[in-house]
Amino acid sequence: MSSSALAPEWLTTPADPNDLAPAVWPESAHRDAQGALVVAGASAVDLAQHYGTPVLVIDEDAVRARAVETLRAFADAAARHGGTARVYYAGKAFLSTAIARWVVDAGLGVDVCSGGELAVALAAGVDPARIGFHGNNKRVWELERAVTAGVGTIVVDSEIEIERLAAIVERLDAEQSVLVRVNSGVHAETHHFLATAHEDQKFGFALDAAERAVARIRELPRLRFAGLHCHIGSQIFGVAGFRESASRVIELHERLRAGGEVPLLNLGGGFGIAYTRVDDPSPIAALADGIVDVVAAECQARGIPLPVLAFEPGRSIVGPAGVTLYEVGTVKPVTVQTESGDAQRLYVSVDGGMSDNARPALYGAQYSARLASREGTGAPALARVVGLHCESGDIVVDHEYLPGDVTPGDLLAVPATGAYTAPLASNYNHIPRPPVVAVSRGVARVIVRGETIEDLLARDTGLDSGTGRPAGEGEG
């Protein structure tokens, strides 16, 4: 049990507030002889001194290893049933040209959901045939770019999009393979913004509407129906939701076979990771076995062959590899009245916040934190790590025990920030977005350049070329 009335039940007082929970931190993370955090062979102190703070540090070897592990897990699971599996990296988790090359090197394709993400994948040299294109409202120019580039599959999301795409391929004298996104009606056990297979939301077709959509695609000579796509949500730990969803989608798959081939079934991604020491996500091999076993059993029960299976993990590949470093600016003890008496919480302010990690504000996401420049000597103190933005909801880590001697100038590290931090980053309060630094065997390099105040001013057309002077105003 927690020793503070302000702490949630799941957060217990640690014996050592400097420990690094293995499930939360990259495998390469440890403390050096001076007590400083080391990630992928690089000292947090050295990284902060060279690149400043905040800085998002990505363990490159961890990303590569998790991509290889994921592909092997699903390929092996499918092979045990005489089938094959593909894995696409979900670029929305975090996409840069470097990361795209890492996952392609591991044998994965890339899933994109905007013209910008498509441009990054193509700029990285990704084979267009290994790209899938999602989105509920793809613009005409995005569809045209995808078709002309030779994107392998476009996931259609509405009747309007089917007709729009049909007109585009006719005009471009092209053909295009498509998947139909369906809502299985299964509600993932996650935040409602992250659950994407229930009926009352913007993505995909209901199961009965999907049959009409497929029938229409089969009427169109330049569209090739390649199969079904279903994604039930994100940050999912077990296989129960996938099991129920798969059974419903396979039933639809069987009905569609009466009108022609249904070669592919894409079950999306959404596999969860540990953000706190109490999170217990299933190992990827166990997830792969559990999901594929269910699909194979459903197919066997209906006497139909196992389709080619595809999956789209993102968070589970890049999320655990990321650690964000901040510098502590202020520490403020706050006394709070509770039913059991007064309780105290430390407010630890850092030099970043909701502009570099919006997830706590968007989803109430929980994170962990540890001192990174040293080991603290103070007793564990309940802390809330907050940012520098002019918002009371600007929380980086809602509940954590830190050494009570945390002080201005300390470095603080927040693990499991590789996914959905950089992509969601903003310039709120005109804060420049931080750099992303990849580290491998002690060697660090910038893979996404950090912004400067000059970059922000350069976008303001009321200023003269970003000099800070009003347009037309001279030196005199």
Protein backbone atom coordinates (compact mmCIF):
# COMPACT_ATOMS: atom_id res chain seq x y z
CA MET A 1 0.00 0.00 0.00
CA SER A 2 1.04 3.60 -0.52
CA SER A 3 2.17 5.56 2.51
CA SER A 4 0.72 8.85 1.25
CA ALA A 5 -2.95 9.75 1.24
CA LEU A 6 -2.35 11.60 -2.04
CA ALA A 7 -0.87 8.63 -3.87
CA PRO A 8 -3.02 6.24 -5.94
CA GLU A 9 -3.39 2.68 -4.69
CA TRP A 10 -1.15 1.25 -7.40
CA LEU A 11 1.84 3.42 -6.44
CA THR A 12 3.75 1.95 -3.53
CA THR A 13 6.64 3.58 -1.72
CA PRO A 14 9.86 2.17 -3.21
CA ALA A 15 12.63 0.83 -1.03
CA ASP A 16 15.02 2.75 -3.30
CA PRO A 17 13.72 5.81 -5.20
CA ASN A 18 16.73 5.54 -7.52
CA ASP A 19 15.98 2.06 -8.87
CA LEU A 20 15.23 1.48 -12.54
CA ALA A 21 12.27 -0.88 -13.03
CA PRO A 22 13.36 -3.30 -15.78
CA ALA A 23 9.95 -3.41 -17.48
CA VAL A 24 9.86 0.37 -17.90
CA TRP A 25 13.40 1.30 -18.90
CA PRO A 26 15.40 0.22 -21.96
CA GLU A 27 17.46 -2.90 -21.30
CA SER A 28 20.60 -0.81 -21.81
CA ALA A 29 19.68 1.61 -19.00
CA HIS A 30 21.80 1.55 -15.84
CA ARG A 31 23.66 3.87 -13.51
CA ASP A 32 27.39 4.51 -13.80
CA ALA A 33 29.86 4.67 -10.92
CA GLN A 34 28.82 8.27 -10.22
CA GLY A 35 25.13 7.37 -10.13
CA ALA A 36 24.27 9.00 -13.47
CA LEU A 37 21.83 7.32 -15.83
CA VAL A 38 23.37 5.65 -18.89
CA VAL A 39 21.29 4.74 -21.96
CA ALA A 40 22.75 2.73 -24.83
CA GLY A 41 26.23 3.45 -23.54
CA ALA A 42 25.78 7.23 -23.31
CA SER A 43 25.66 9.21 -20.05
CA ALA A 44 22.58 11.32 -19.48
CA VAL A 45 24.85 14.05 -18.13
CA ASP A 46 26.91 14.09 -21.32
CA LEU A 47 23.81 14.02 -23.53
CA ALA A 48 22.23 16.92 -21.67
CA GLN A 49 25.42 18.96 -21.79
CA HIS A 50 25.84 18.40 -25.53
CA TYR A 51 22.25 18.64 -26.76
CA GLY A 52 20.54 20.62 -24.00
CA THR A 53 17.25 19.78 -22.36
CA PRO A 54 14.61 18.68 -22.98
CA VAL A 55 15.97 16.00 -25.29
CA LEU A 56 14.35 12.77 -26.43
CA VAL A 57 16.92 9.98 -26.44
CA ILE A 58 16.20 6.86 -28.53
CA ASP A 59 18.08 3.60 -28.02
CA GLU A 60 18.56 2.68 -31.68
CA ASP A 61 19.57 -0.92 -31.02
CA ALA A 62 16.46 -1.41 -28.87
CA VAL A 63 14.19 -0.27 -31.72
CA ARG A 64 15.93 -2.52 -34.21
CA ALA A 65 15.81 -5.50 -31.84
CA ARG A 66 12.12 -5.06 -31.03
CA ALA A 67 11.29 -4.79 -34.74
CA VAL A 68 13.14 -8.03 -35.48
CA GLU A 69 11.54 -9.73 -32.48
CA THR A 70 8.05 -8.64 -33.52
CA LEU A 71 8.36 -9.87 -37.08
CA ARG A 72 9.80 -13.19 -35.92
CA ALA A 73 7.02 -13.65 -33.37
CA PHE A 74 4.19 -13.21 -35.86
CA ALA A 75 5.93 -15.09 -38.67
CA ASP A 76 6.61 -18.05 -36.39
CA ALA A 77 3.06 -18.02 -35.02
CA ALA A 78 1.59 -18.05 -38.53
CA ALA A 79 4.03 -20.68 -39.75
CA ARG A 80 2.87 -23.08 -37.03
CA HIS A 81 -0.52 -23.03 -38.75
CA GLY A 82 0.89 -23.23 -42.27
CA GLY A 83 0.43 -19.52 -42.92
CA THR A 84 2.41 -16.35 -43.40
CA ALA A 85 2.43 -12.97 -41.65
CA ARG A 86 3.54 -9.46 -42.45
CA VAL A 87 4.35 -6.66 -40.04
CA TYR A 88 4.05 -2.96 -40.80
CA TYR A 89 5.51 -0.37 -38.45
CA ALA A 90 2.79 2.12 -37.48
CA GLY A 91 4.49 5.39 -38.34
CA LYS A 92 2.09 7.49 -36.31
CA ALA A 93 3.87 6.27 -33.16
CA PHE A 94 6.98 8.16 -34.29
CA LEU A 95 8.30 8.44 -37.82
CA SER A 96 11.56 9.87 -39.09
CA THR A 97 13.69 8.81 -42.02
CA ALA A 98 16.14 7.13 -39.64
CA ILE A 99 13.44 5.12 -37.86
CA ALA A 100 11.86 4.16 -41.18
CA ARG A 101 15.20 2.73 -42.32
CA TRP A 102 15.68 0.85 -39.03
CA VAL A 103 12.36 -0.97 -39.28
CA VAL A 104 12.74 -1.70 -43.00
CA ASP A 105 16.18 -3.15 -42.27
CA ALA A 106 14.41 -5.46 -39.81
CA GLY A 107 12.04 -6.69 -42.54
CA LEU A 108 8.98 -4.58 -41.73
CA GLY A 109 6.83 -2.46 -43.98
CA VAL A 110 5.62 1.01 -42.97
CA ASP A 111 2.07 2.13 -42.23
CA VAL A 112 1.34 5.83 -42.83
CA CYS A 113 -1.78 7.90 -42.34
CA SER A 114 -1.06 11.26 -43.98
CA GLY A 115 0.67 12.76 -46.98
CA GLY A 116 3.41 13.99 -44.66
CA GLU A 117 4.09 10.54 -43.24
CA LEU A 118 4.07 9.13 -46.76
CA ALA A 119 6.63 11.75 -47.79
CA VAL A 120 8.91 10.79 -44.89
CA ALA A 121 8.70 7.08 -45.74
CA LEU A 122 9.44 7.71 -49.40
CA ALA A 123 12.29 10.08 -48.54
CA ALA A 124 13.77 7.30 -46.39
CA GLY A 125 13.83 5.04 -49.42
CA VAL A 126 11.05 2.70 -48.29
CA ASP A 127 9.81 0.54 -51.15
CA PRO A 128 6.32 1.95 -51.90
CA ALA A 129 5.01 -1.60 -52.29
CA ARG A 130 5.74 -2.10 -48.57
CA ILE A 131 3.71 0.95 -47.52
CA GLY A 132 0.11 0.90 -46.32
CA PHE A 133 -1.90 4.14 -46.26
CA HIS A 134 -4.56 4.74 -43.60
CA GLY A 135 -6.84 7.66 -42.78
CA ASN A 136 -10.52 8.47 -42.49
CA ASN A 137 -10.29 11.60 -44.65
CA LYS A 138 -7.45 11.23 -47.12
CA ARG A 139 -7.34 14.29 -49.31
CA VAL A 140 -7.40 14.00 -53.09
CA TRP A 141 -3.77 15.04 -53.46
CA GLU A 142 -2.74 12.45 -50.87
CA LEU A 143 -4.55 9.67 -52.70
CA GLU A 144 -3.05 10.81 -55.99
CA ARG A 145 0.44 10.81 -54.48
CA ALA A 146 -0.09 7.34 -53.04
CA VAL A 147 -1.28 5.93 -56.36
CA THR A 148 1.48 7.53 -58.42
CA ALA A 149 4.12 6.41 -55.92
CA GLY A 150 2.92 2.82 -56.13
CA VAL A 151 1.82 2.40 -52.51
CA GLY A 152 1.07 -1.25 -51.85
CA THR A 153 -2.31 -0.91 -50.17
CA ILE A 154 -4.71 1.90 -49.40
CA VAL A 155 -7.11 1.24 -46.54
CA VAL A 156 -10.46 2.67 -47.61
CA ASP A 157 -12.61 4.09 -44.87
CA SER A 158 -15.88 5.25 -46.45
CA GLU A 159 -18.10 4.91 -49.49
CA ILE A 160 -17.10 8.40 -50.57
CA GLU A 161 -13.44 7.43 -50.49
CA ILE A 162 -14.07 4.37 -52.63
CA GLU A 163 -15.64 6.52 -55.35
CA ARG A 164 -12.97 9.21 -54.95
CA LEU A 165 -10.18 6.67 -55.33
CA ALA A 166 -11.90 4.99 -58.27
CA ALA A 167 -12.03 8.33 -60.09
CA ILE A 168 -8.36 8.99 -59.35
CA VAL A 169 -7.09 5.65 -60.65
CA GLU A 170 -9.24 6.05 -63.76
CA ARG A 171 -7.79 9.50 -64.39
CA LEU A 172 -4.23 8.29 -63.77
CA ASP A 173 -4.72 5.11 -65.82
CA ALA A 174 -3.61 3.07 -62.79
CA GLU A 175 -4.74 0.19 -60.61
CA GLN A 176 -4.73 0.10 -56.81
CA SER A 177 -5.01 -2.60 -54.16
CA VAL A 178 -7.25 -1.68 -51.26
CA LEU A 179 -8.23 -3.03 -47.86
CA VAL A 180 -11.61 -2.29 -46.31
CA ARG A 181 -11.48 -1.09 -42.72
CA VAL A 182 -14.20 -2.62 -40.57
CA ASN A 183 -15.45 -1.98 -37.06
CA SER A 184 -15.86 -5.28 -35.29
CA GLY A 185 -17.87 -3.71 -32.46
CA VAL A 186 -15.32 -4.85 -29.88
CA HIS A 187 -14.46 -2.24 -27.27
CA ALA A 188 -10.79 -2.31 -26.31
CA GLU A 189 -10.04 -1.95 -22.59
CA THR A 190 -8.31 1.40 -22.94
CA HIS A 191 -9.04 5.15 -22.91
CA HIS A 192 -12.09 5.83 -25.05
CA PHE A 193 -10.03 8.05 -27.36
CA LEU A 194 -7.77 5.04 -28.01
CA ALA A 195 -10.53 2.50 -28.63
CA THR A 196 -11.17 2.41 -32.36
CA ALA A 197 -13.41 -0.58 -33.13
CA HIS A 198 -16.66 0.46 -31.46
CA GLU A 199 -19.45 1.74 -33.68
CA ASP A 200 -19.76 5.36 -32.54
CA GLN A 201 -16.54 6.77 -33.97
CA LYS A 202 -15.05 8.02 -37.21
CA PHE A 203 -13.10 5.03 -38.52
CA GLY A 204 -14.23 2.35 -40.92
CA PHE A 205 -17.39 0.46 -41.84
CA ALA A 206 -19.78 -1.47 -39.63
CA LEU A 207 -19.72 -5.18 -40.43
CA ASP A 208 -22.89 -5.15 -42.55
CA ALA A 209 -21.85 -1.97 -44.39
CA ALA A 210 -18.47 -3.52 -45.14
CA GLU A 211 -20.13 -6.18 -47.30
CA ARG A 212 -21.69 -3.47 -49.48
CA ALA A 213 -18.35 -1.66 -49.67
CA VAL A 214 -16.55 -4.79 -50.84
CA ALA A 215 -19.26 -5.48 -53.41
CA ARG A 216 -18.82 -1.99 -54.82
CA ILE A 217 -15.02 -2.31 -54.97
CA ARG A 218 -15.36 -5.58 -56.86
CA GLU A 219 -17.49 -3.75 -59.45
CA LEU A 220 -14.75 -1.20 -60.12
CA PRO A 221 -12.24 -2.49 -62.67
CA ARG A 222 -9.22 -0.52 -61.45
CA LEU A 223 -9.57 -1.26 -57.72
CA ARG A 224 -8.35 -4.63 -56.45
CA PHE A 225 -9.92 -5.84 -53.21
CA ALA A 226 -7.04 -7.25 -51.14
CA GLY A 227 -8.80 -7.99 -47.85
CA LEU A 228 -10.05 -6.62 -44.55
CA HIS A 229 -8.52 -4.40 -41.91
CA CYS A 230 -9.60 -4.11 -38.28
CA HIS A 231 -7.90 -2.21 -35.45
CA ILE A 232 -9.51 -2.36 -31.99
CA GLY A 233 -7.45 0.27 -30.18
CA SER A 234 -4.16 1.08 -28.51
CA GLN A 235 -2.22 0.28 -25.33
CA ILE A 236 -3.86 -3.15 -25.05
CA PHE A 237 -2.21 -5.73 -22.79
CA GLY A 238 -3.98 -9.02 -23.42
CA VAL A 239 -5.52 -11.02 -26.27
CA ALA A 240 -9.16 -11.10 -25.14
CA GLY A 241 -10.22 -8.14 -27.28
CA PHE A 242 -8.34 -9.46 -30.29
CA ARG A 243 -9.92 -12.89 -29.78
CA GLU A 244 -13.49 -11.56 -29.90
CA SER A 245 -12.74 -9.15 -32.73
CA ALA A 246 -11.06 -11.84 -34.83
CA SER A 247 -14.03 -14.17 -34.51
CA ARG A 248 -16.38 -11.49 -35.85
CA VAL A 249 -14.09 -10.43 -38.68
CA ILE A 250 -13.46 -14.03 -39.76
CA GLU A 251 -17.22 -14.53 -39.98
CA LEU A 252 -17.34 -11.57 -42.40
CA HIS A 253 -14.26 -12.91 -44.19
CA GLU A 254 -16.07 -16.21 -44.79
CA ARG A 255 -19.15 -14.50 -46.22
CA LEU A 256 -17.05 -12.39 -48.58
CA ARG A 257 -15.31 -15.47 -49.96
CA ALA A 258 -18.55 -16.35 -51.73
CA GLY A 259 -17.96 -13.43 -54.07
CA GLY A 260 -14.23 -13.82 -54.65
CA GLU A 261 -10.87 -14.05 -52.97
CA VAL A 262 -10.13 -12.38 -49.63
CA PRO A 263 -6.37 -12.90 -49.47
CA LEU A 264 -5.36 -10.69 -46.52
CA LEU A 265 -6.55 -10.00 -42.99
CA ASN A 266 -4.89 -7.08 -41.21
CA LEU A 267 -5.65 -7.04 -37.47
CA GLY A 268 -3.86 -3.77 -36.73
CA GLY A 269 -1.70 -3.25 -33.68
CA GLY A 270 -2.21 -1.48 -30.38
CA PHE A 271 0.02 -3.71 -28.26
CA GLY A 272 0.69 -2.06 -24.90
CA ILE A 273 3.93 -1.26 -23.11
CA ALA A 274 4.86 -0.60 -19.49
CA TYR A 275 4.82 3.06 -18.45
CA THR A 276 4.90 2.30 -14.72
CA ARG A 277 6.21 -0.63 -12.71
CA VAL A 278 2.70 -2.02 -12.20
CA ASP A 279 1.94 -2.25 -15.93
CA ASP A 280 2.17 -5.85 -17.12
CA PRO A 281 1.98 -6.10 -20.92
CA SER A 282 2.09 -9.51 -22.53
CA PRO A 283 5.38 -10.46 -24.26
CA ILE A 284 5.09 -10.01 -28.01
CA ALA A 285 5.59 -13.74 -28.65
CA ALA A 286 2.67 -14.56 -26.35
CA LEU A 287 0.47 -11.98 -28.06
CA ALA A 288 1.41 -13.28 -31.50
CA ASP A 289 0.69 -16.89 -30.51
CA GLY A 290 -2.60 -15.99 -28.85
CA ILE A 291 -3.94 -13.87 -31.70
CA VAL A 292 -2.86 -16.16 -34.52
CA ASP A 293 -4.14 -19.24 -32.69
CA VAL A 294 -7.58 -17.65 -32.45
CA VAL A 295 -7.67 -16.73 -36.13
CA ALA A 296 -6.48 -20.18 -37.15
CA ALA A 297 -9.09 -21.86 -34.94
CA GLU A 298 -11.88 -19.70 -36.40
CA CYS A 299 -10.78 -20.54 -39.93
CA GLN A 300 -10.49 -24.24 -39.16
CA ALA A 301 -13.96 -24.29 -37.62
CA ARG A 302 -15.37 -22.83 -40.84
CA GLY A 303 -13.29 -25.02 -43.13
CA ILE A 304 -11.55 -22.09 -44.82
CA PRO A 305 -7.84 -21.50 -45.36
CA LEU A 306 -5.89 -19.14 -43.14
CA PRO A 307 -5.45 -15.81 -44.96
CA VAL A 308 -2.19 -13.94 -45.05
CA LEU A 309 -2.11 -12.07 -41.74
CA ALA A 310 -0.79 -8.56 -41.21
CA PHE A 311 -0.16 -6.51 -38.08
CA GLU A 312 0.73 -2.87 -37.42
CA PRO A 313 2.56 -2.33 -34.12
CA GLY A 314 4.16 1.03 -33.45
CA ARG A 315 4.22 1.87 -29.76
CA SER A 316 5.50 -1.57 -28.76
CA ILE A 317 8.50 -1.17 -31.08
CA VAL A 318 9.63 2.40 -30.45
CA GLY A 319 7.98 3.33 -27.15
CA PRO A 320 10.20 1.45 -24.68
CA ALA A 321 13.35 2.69 -26.45
CA GLY A 322 12.73 6.36 -25.64
CA VAL A 323 13.85 8.34 -22.58
CA THR A 324 13.25 12.08 -22.22
CA LEU A 325 15.74 14.13 -20.22
CA TYR A 326 14.71 17.34 -18.46
CA GLU A 327 16.39 19.77 -16.08
CA VAL A 328 14.68 20.55 -12.79
CA GLY A 329 13.95 24.25 -12.39
CA THR A 330 12.02 24.55 -9.13
CA VAL A 331 10.88 22.27 -6.32
CA LYS A 332 7.86 23.31 -4.30
CA PRO A 333 6.38 21.38 -1.35
CA VAL A 334 2.59 21.73 -1.25
CA THR A 335 0.41 20.75 1.71
CA VAL A 336 -2.97 19.26 0.80
CA GLN A 337 -5.86 18.67 3.18
CA THR A 338 -7.29 15.15 3.00
CA GLU A 339 -9.88 13.23 5.00
CA SER A 340 -7.09 11.66 7.02
CA GLY A 341 -5.28 14.94 7.66
CA ASP A 342 -2.67 17.05 5.93
CA ALA A 343 -0.48 15.41 3.29
CA GLN A 344 2.43 16.78 1.32
CA ARG A 345 3.41 16.55 -2.31
CA LEU A 346 6.51 17.89 -4.03
CA TYR A 347 5.85 19.79 -7.22
CA VAL A 348 8.97 19.31 -9.36
CA SER A 349 9.00 21.70 -12.32
CA VAL A 350 11.05 20.83 -15.40
CA ASP A 351 12.00 22.70 -18.56
CA GLY A 352 9.53 20.93 -20.83
CA GLY A 353 5.99 19.68 -20.41
CA MET A 354 2.85 19.27 -22.46
CA SER A 355 4.53 20.73 -25.56
CA ASP A 356 6.91 17.74 -25.76
CA ASN A 357 4.59 15.13 -24.17
CA ALA A 358 0.88 15.80 -24.59
CA ARG A 359 -0.26 12.32 -23.56
CA PRO A 360 -0.88 13.04 -19.86
CA ALA A 361 -3.05 16.03 -20.80
CA LEU A 362 -4.84 14.17 -23.61
CA TYR A 363 -5.38 10.77 -22.01
CA GLY A 364 -4.42 11.08 -18.37
CA ALA A 365 -1.44 8.88 -19.27
CA GLN A 366 0.81 7.80 -16.40
CA TYR A 367 4.60 7.83 -16.57
CA SER A 368 7.56 7.13 -14.32
CA ALA A 369 10.56 9.33 -13.48
CA ARG A 370 13.99 9.07 -11.91
CA LEU A 371 16.87 11.38 -11.19
CA ALA A 372 19.32 11.04 -14.08
CA SER A 373 22.39 13.09 -13.08
CA ARG A 374 22.95 11.40 -9.73
CA GLU A 375 21.46 9.09 -7.15
CA GLY A 376 19.42 10.92 -4.57
CA THR A 377 20.07 10.43 -0.87
CA GLY A 378 16.75 11.70 0.47
CA ALA A 379 13.90 9.50 1.61
CA PRO A 380 11.20 8.76 -1.00
CA ALA A 381 8.87 11.73 -1.39
CA LEU A 382 5.62 11.75 -3.31
CA ALA A 383 6.16 14.06 -6.27
CA ARG A 384 4.30 15.43 -9.26
CA VAL A 385 6.52 16.36 -12.19
CA VAL A 386 5.07 19.36 -13.99
CA GLY A 387 6.05 21.45 -16.98
CA LEU A 388 6.68 25.12 -17.59
CA HIS A 389 3.48 25.88 -19.49
CA CYS A 390 0.77 28.24 -18.36
CA GLU A 391 -1.71 25.40 -17.74
CA SER A 392 -2.59 23.68 -14.48
CA GLY A 393 -2.99 20.46 -16.50
CA ASP A 394 0.62 20.66 -17.68
CA ILE A 395 1.67 17.44 -15.94
CA VAL A 396 4.52 15.23 -17.10
CA VAL A 397 4.35 12.55 -14.38
CA ASP A 398 1.25 12.66 -12.20
CA HIS A 399 2.37 10.39 -9.35
CA GLU A 400 5.90 9.28 -8.54
CA TYR A 401 8.21 8.81 -5.60
CA LEU A 402 11.48 10.68 -6.02
CA PRO A 403 14.35 11.20 -3.58
CA GLY A 404 13.34 13.98 -1.20
CA ASP A 405 16.56 15.87 -1.93
CA VAL A 406 15.65 16.52 -5.58
CA THR A 407 16.80 20.05 -6.29
CA PRO A 408 17.07 22.67 -9.07
CA GLY A 409 19.73 21.71 -11.59
CA ASP A 410 19.16 17.97 -11.28
CA LEU A 411 18.47 16.03 -14.46
CA LEU A 412 15.24 14.08 -14.49
CA ALA A 413 14.55 11.18 -16.87
CA VAL A 414 11.13 9.97 -17.98
CA PRO A 415 11.19 6.53 -19.66
CA ALA A 416 8.90 4.94 -22.26
CA THR A 417 8.59 8.18 -24.24
CA GLY A 418 9.60 6.84 -27.65
CA ALA A 419 6.01 6.72 -28.96
CA TYR A 420 3.46 9.51 -29.35
CA THR A 421 5.59 12.22 -27.75
CA ALA A 422 7.56 13.72 -30.63
CA PRO A 423 4.65 13.25 -33.10
CA LEU A 424 2.23 15.06 -30.75
CA ALA A 425 4.66 17.82 -29.82
CA SER A 426 3.59 21.43 -30.26
CA ASN A 427 4.87 24.97 -29.87
CA TYR A 428 2.39 25.90 -27.15
CA ASN A 429 3.56 29.04 -25.33
CA HIS A 430 6.06 29.38 -28.19
CA ILE A 431 8.28 26.66 -26.82
CA PRO A 432 10.57 25.12 -29.46
CA ARG A 433 10.24 21.39 -29.93
CA PRO A 434 13.22 19.44 -28.58
CA PRO A 435 15.72 17.41 -30.62
CA VAL A 436 15.58 13.64 -30.98
CA VAL A 437 18.93 11.94 -30.47
CA ALA A 438 19.61 8.33 -31.40
CA VAL A 439 22.23 6.49 -29.37
CA SER A 440 23.93 3.22 -30.24
CA ARG A 441 26.87 1.77 -28.29
CA GLY A 442 27.71 5.11 -26.78
CA VAL A 443 27.62 7.05 -30.06
CA ALA A 444 24.92 9.72 -30.29
CA ARG A 445 23.57 11.59 -33.30
CA VAL A 446 20.64 13.90 -33.95
CA ILE A 447 17.93 12.28 -36.07
CA VAL A 448 15.40 15.10 -35.72
CA ARG A 449 16.76 18.60 -35.24
CA GLY A 450 15.45 20.61 -32.32
CA GLU A 451 13.82 23.95 -32.98
CA THR A 452 15.04 27.37 -31.90
CA ILE A 453 13.29 30.63 -31.12
CA GLU A 454 14.57 31.81 -34.51
CA ASP A 455 12.71 28.94 -36.17
CA LEU A 456 9.48 30.06 -34.52
CA LEU A 457 9.98 33.70 -35.47
CA ALA A 458 10.78 32.74 -39.06
CA ARG A 459 7.19 31.53 -39.50
CA ASP A 460 5.68 34.82 -38.32
CA THR A 461 4.93 36.91 -41.39
CA GLY A 462 4.63 40.05 -39.28
CA LEU A 463 8.38 39.97 -38.74
CA ASP A 464 11.18 40.73 -41.16
CA SER A 465 12.78 37.36 -41.99
CA GLY A 466 12.72 36.25 -38.37
CA THR A 467 14.89 39.14 -37.10
CA GLY A 468 12.40 40.13 -34.45
CA ARG A 469 11.72 43.48 -36.14
CA PRO A 470 8.30 44.37 -37.54
CA ALA A 471 8.23 44.03 -41.33
CA GLY A 472 9.53 47.17 -43.02
CA GLU A 473 11.09 48.58 -39.84
CA GLY A 474 14.74 49.56 -40.29
CA GLU A 475 17.65 49.71 -37.89
CA GLY A 476 17.46 53.49 -37.42
